């Protein structure tokens, strides 16, 4: 998948005033996350996983996420029952070093997903670039991510560090009312055994947001 960088066009500013407010509102799907069911295994600080899902305007705020946080966390978020989102794009913010995730795989509507399920073909995958400022947007294949009631995000590797750090995950899209549906996003992480990999190789880091 590709990414789109946000920037300034000739004679206009996309980062201030009404345009910025409108852009921030487009990244409001975090409001529909089921926080009580959001999970992330192997978190360094209990409950900190949920903090990566917050307003677009706060994507650069690292005070809410402690050292080693991100997909090494466990938290939860329960959204309004009866909401079916349509996911249009994703932002992933990490450190500008080896801890930044290098790949993202998205799965749609697979409740109670386990690590065994990550062997399945994802709906879409992205090769991630280091993005410490939240400038890159990864557009989804919208037709595949309509009527989402459960979203799984798998981060199979980073850029070579032992752990992965994620400070912010942005979810861009829309939502509509529906009956008897819920939104659930859970986070999972499993650290690979360094002994299983040669030192010169990138150490795979498996992270799973479902």
Protein backbone atom coordinates (compact mmCIF):
# COMPACT_ATOMS: atom_id res chain seq x y z
CA UNK A 1 0.00 0.00 0.00
CA UNK A 2 1.04 3.58 -0.46
CA UNK A 3 1.06 6.62 1.75
CA UNK A 4 0.12 10.22 1.10
CA UNK A 5 2.15 12.97 2.74
CA UNK A 6 0.36 16.05 3.97
CA UNK A 7 1.86 19.36 2.86
CA UNK A 8 1.23 22.93 1.82
CA UNK A 9 -0.03 23.81 -1.63
CA UNK A 10 0.79 27.11 -3.38
CA UNK A 11 -0.79 30.02 -1.57
CA UNK A 12 -2.75 28.03 0.98
CA UNK A 13 -2.25 26.51 4.42
CA UNK A 14 -3.74 23.10 5.20
CA UNK A 15 -2.72 23.21 8.85
CA UNK A 16 -4.75 26.06 10.32
CA UNK A 17 -8.24 27.45 10.71
CA UNK A 18 -11.32 25.70 9.40
CA UNK A 19 -9.41 23.40 7.06
CA UNK A 20 -7.42 21.93 9.92
CA UNK A 21 -10.56 21.50 12.02
CA UNK A 22 -12.29 19.74 9.15
CA UNK A 23 -9.30 17.47 8.61
CA UNK A 24 -9.17 16.62 12.29
CA UNK A 25 -12.86 15.72 12.30
CA UNK A 26 -12.27 13.24 9.49
CA UNK A 27 -10.03 11.26 11.86
CA UNK A 28 -12.77 10.82 14.45
CA UNK A 29 -13.28 7.06 14.25
CA UNK A 30 -11.34 6.72 17.51
CA UNK A 31 -14.54 7.95 19.19
CA UNK A 32 -16.28 4.77 18.03
CA UNK A 33 -13.73 2.32 19.41
CA UNK A 34 -14.94 -0.14 22.01
CA UNK A 35 -12.49 0.88 24.75
CA UNK A 36 -13.58 -1.79 27.21
CA UNK A 37 -12.69 -4.52 24.72
CA UNK A 38 -9.55 -3.04 23.17
CA UNK A 39 -6.66 -5.32 24.13
CA UNK A 40 -2.91 -5.34 23.69
CA UNK A 41 -0.76 -8.11 25.12
CA UNK A 42 2.67 -7.59 26.70
CA UNK A 43 2.04 -3.95 27.43
CA UNK A 44 4.68 -2.28 29.56
CA UNK A 45 2.15 -0.18 31.49
CA UNK A 46 -1.31 -1.59 32.07
CA UNK A 47 -4.07 0.30 30.28
CA UNK A 48 -1.79 2.47 28.17
CA UNK A 49 -2.69 0.80 24.86
CA UNK A 50 -5.87 2.78 24.53
CA UNK A 51 -3.96 6.07 24.58
CA UNK A 52 -2.68 5.62 21.01
CA UNK A 53 -6.25 6.22 19.81
CA UNK A 54 -6.96 9.91 20.37
CA UNK A 55 -7.76 13.13 18.42
CA UNK A 56 -5.79 13.86 15.26
CA UNK A 57 -4.72 17.19 16.72
CA UNK A 58 -2.95 15.30 19.53
CA UNK A 59 -1.01 12.90 17.27
CA UNK A 60 2.30 14.54 18.26
CA UNK A 61 1.62 14.35 22.01
CA UNK A 62 3.90 11.68 23.50
CA UNK A 63 3.23 12.50 27.14
CA UNK A 64 0.28 10.12 27.28
CA UNK A 65 2.30 7.11 26.18
CA UNK A 66 5.11 5.84 28.38
CA UNK A 67 8.43 4.23 27.37
CA UNK A 68 7.97 1.06 25.37
CA UNK A 69 4.31 1.81 24.88
CA UNK A 70 2.21 1.37 21.76
CA UNK A 71 1.50 -2.18 20.64
CA UNK A 72 3.17 -3.39 23.81
CA UNK A 73 0.07 -2.37 25.67
CA UNK A 74 -3.31 -3.51 26.75
CA UNK A 75 -6.31 -1.24 26.99
CA UNK A 76 -9.93 -1.13 25.94
CA UNK A 77 -12.57 0.97 24.30
CA UNK A 78 -16.26 0.28 23.87
CA UNK A 79 -17.97 2.38 21.23
CA UNK A 80 -21.61 3.25 20.75
CA UNK A 81 -23.60 0.12 19.97
CA UNK A 82 -25.23 0.26 16.55
CA UNK A 83 -22.33 1.93 14.68
CA UNK A 84 -20.88 0.59 11.42
CA UNK A 85 -17.77 2.53 10.36
CA UNK A 86 -16.23 2.82 6.92
CA UNK A 87 -12.43 3.00 7.17
CA UNK A 88 -10.72 5.22 4.57
CA UNK A 89 -7.15 5.71 5.82
CA UNK A 90 -4.73 5.01 8.66
CA UNK A 91 -1.88 6.98 10.29
CA UNK A 92 0.79 5.27 12.42
CA UNK A 93 3.19 7.42 14.46
CA UNK A 94 6.31 6.01 16.11
CA UNK A 95 9.90 6.92 16.88
CA UNK A 96 12.30 7.84 14.07
CA UNK A 97 14.38 4.74 14.79
CA UNK A 98 14.27 0.95 14.71
CA UNK A 99 11.29 0.73 17.06
CA UNK A 100 8.92 2.14 14.44
CA UNK A 101 6.63 -0.53 12.94
CA UNK A 102 7.58 -1.44 9.38
CA UNK A 103 4.46 -3.26 8.25
CA UNK A 104 0.72 -3.14 8.92
CA UNK A 105 -1.81 -5.80 7.98
CA UNK A 106 -5.54 -5.08 8.26
CA UNK A 107 -8.24 -7.68 8.86
CA UNK A 108 -11.97 -6.97 8.76
CA UNK A 109 -14.80 -8.44 10.83
CA UNK A 110 -13.01 -11.39 12.44
CA UNK A 111 -14.15 -11.31 16.09
CA UNK A 112 -11.97 -12.99 18.74
CA UNK A 113 -9.04 -13.08 16.34
CA UNK A 114 -5.93 -14.92 17.58
CA UNK A 115 -2.32 -15.06 16.47
CA UNK A 116 -3.16 -18.21 14.54
CA UNK A 117 -5.60 -16.15 12.46
CA UNK A 118 -2.80 -13.87 11.27
CA UNK A 119 -1.81 -16.66 8.86
CA UNK A 120 -4.90 -15.70 6.87
CA UNK A 121 -4.69 -13.32 3.94
CA UNK A 122 -5.33 -9.76 5.18
CA UNK A 123 -7.83 -7.46 3.53
CA UNK A 124 -4.93 -5.07 2.91
CA UNK A 125 -1.29 -4.68 3.93
CA UNK A 126 1.03 -1.66 4.01
CA UNK A 127 4.79 -1.21 4.06
CA UNK A 128 5.21 1.56 6.63
CA UNK A 129 7.76 4.37 6.59
CA UNK A 130 9.10 5.99 9.74
CA UNK A 131 6.64 8.76 10.55
CA UNK A 132 7.39 10.52 13.87
CA UNK A 133 5.22 13.56 12.98
CA UNK A 134 2.08 11.84 11.69
CA UNK A 135 2.46 13.18 8.15
CA UNK A 136 1.77 9.98 6.21
CA UNK A 137 -1.71 8.71 5.44
CA UNK A 138 -2.18 5.15 4.22
CA UNK A 139 -5.39 4.98 2.17
CA UNK A 140 -7.42 1.80 2.40
CA UNK A 141 -9.35 0.04 -0.33
CA UNK A 142 -12.62 1.58 0.80
CA UNK A 143 -14.81 -1.10 -0.79
CA UNK A 144 -13.14 -3.67 1.47
CA UNK A 145 -13.58 -1.65 4.64
CA UNK A 146 -17.22 -0.64 4.51
CA UNK A 147 -19.57 -1.78 7.29
CA UNK A 148 -16.72 -2.63 9.66
CA UNK A 149 -17.82 -3.87 13.07
CA UNK A 150 -14.44 -5.36 14.01
CA UNK A 151 -11.01 -4.21 12.83
CA UNK A 152 -7.76 -6.11 13.43
CA UNK A 153 -4.38 -4.43 12.92
CA UNK A 154 -1.35 -6.71 12.78
CA UNK A 155 2.18 -5.22 12.99
CA UNK A 156 4.41 -8.20 12.07
CA UNK A 157 7.76 -6.37 12.22
CA UNK A 158 9.59 -3.13 12.94
CA UNK A 159 12.85 -1.60 11.65
CA UNK A 160 15.12 -3.84 13.70
CA UNK A 161 14.64 -2.99 17.38
CA UNK A 162 13.78 -5.47 20.12
CA UNK A 163 10.51 -3.73 20.91
CA UNK A 164 8.04 -1.67 18.92
CA UNK A 165 6.77 1.75 19.99
CA UNK A 166 3.61 3.36 18.65
CA UNK A 167 2.51 6.76 19.93
CA UNK A 168 -0.57 7.34 17.80
CA UNK A 169 -2.87 5.45 15.45
CA UNK A 170 -5.28 7.52 13.39
CA UNK A 171 -8.42 6.05 11.85
CA UNK A 172 -10.04 8.10 9.10
CA UNK A 173 -13.55 7.40 7.89
CA UNK A 174 -17.27 7.70 8.45
CA UNK A 175 -19.86 5.83 10.44
CA UNK A 176 -23.57 5.14 10.27
CA UNK A 177 -26.20 3.79 12.64
CA UNK A 178 -27.02 0.10 12.42
CA UNK A 179 -28.79 -2.38 14.66
CA UNK A 180 -27.12 -4.99 16.86
CA UNK A 181 -23.57 -4.22 15.92
CA UNK A 182 -20.62 -3.00 17.92
CA UNK A 183 -17.18 -1.68 17.16
CA UNK A 184 -14.28 -3.52 18.71
CA UNK A 185 -10.57 -2.82 18.37
CA UNK A 186 -8.13 -4.96 20.32
CA UNK A 187 -4.34 -4.82 20.49
CA UNK A 188 -2.02 -7.79 20.76
CA UNK A 189 1.76 -8.07 20.86
CA UNK A 190 4.13 -11.02 20.89
CA UNK A 191 7.88 -10.43 20.97
CA UNK A 192 9.98 -12.78 18.89
CA UNK A 193 12.76 -14.77 20.54
CA UNK A 194 16.06 -13.07 19.55
CA UNK A 195 17.77 -16.47 19.76
CA UNK A 196 15.71 -17.57 16.78
CA UNK A 197 17.20 -14.88 14.54
CA UNK A 198 20.67 -13.97 13.40
CA UNK A 199 21.93 -10.68 14.79
CA UNK A 200 22.29 -9.11 11.38
CA UNK A 201 18.66 -9.74 10.58
CA UNK A 202 15.77 -7.51 11.53
CA UNK A 203 14.18 -8.95 14.65
CA UNK A 204 10.52 -9.61 13.80
CA UNK A 205 8.11 -7.95 16.17
CA UNK A 206 4.54 -9.18 16.00
CA UNK A 207 1.85 -6.75 17.04
CA UNK A 208 -1.83 -7.29 16.67
CA UNK A 209 -4.59 -4.72 17.05
CA UNK A 210 -7.98 -6.29 16.77
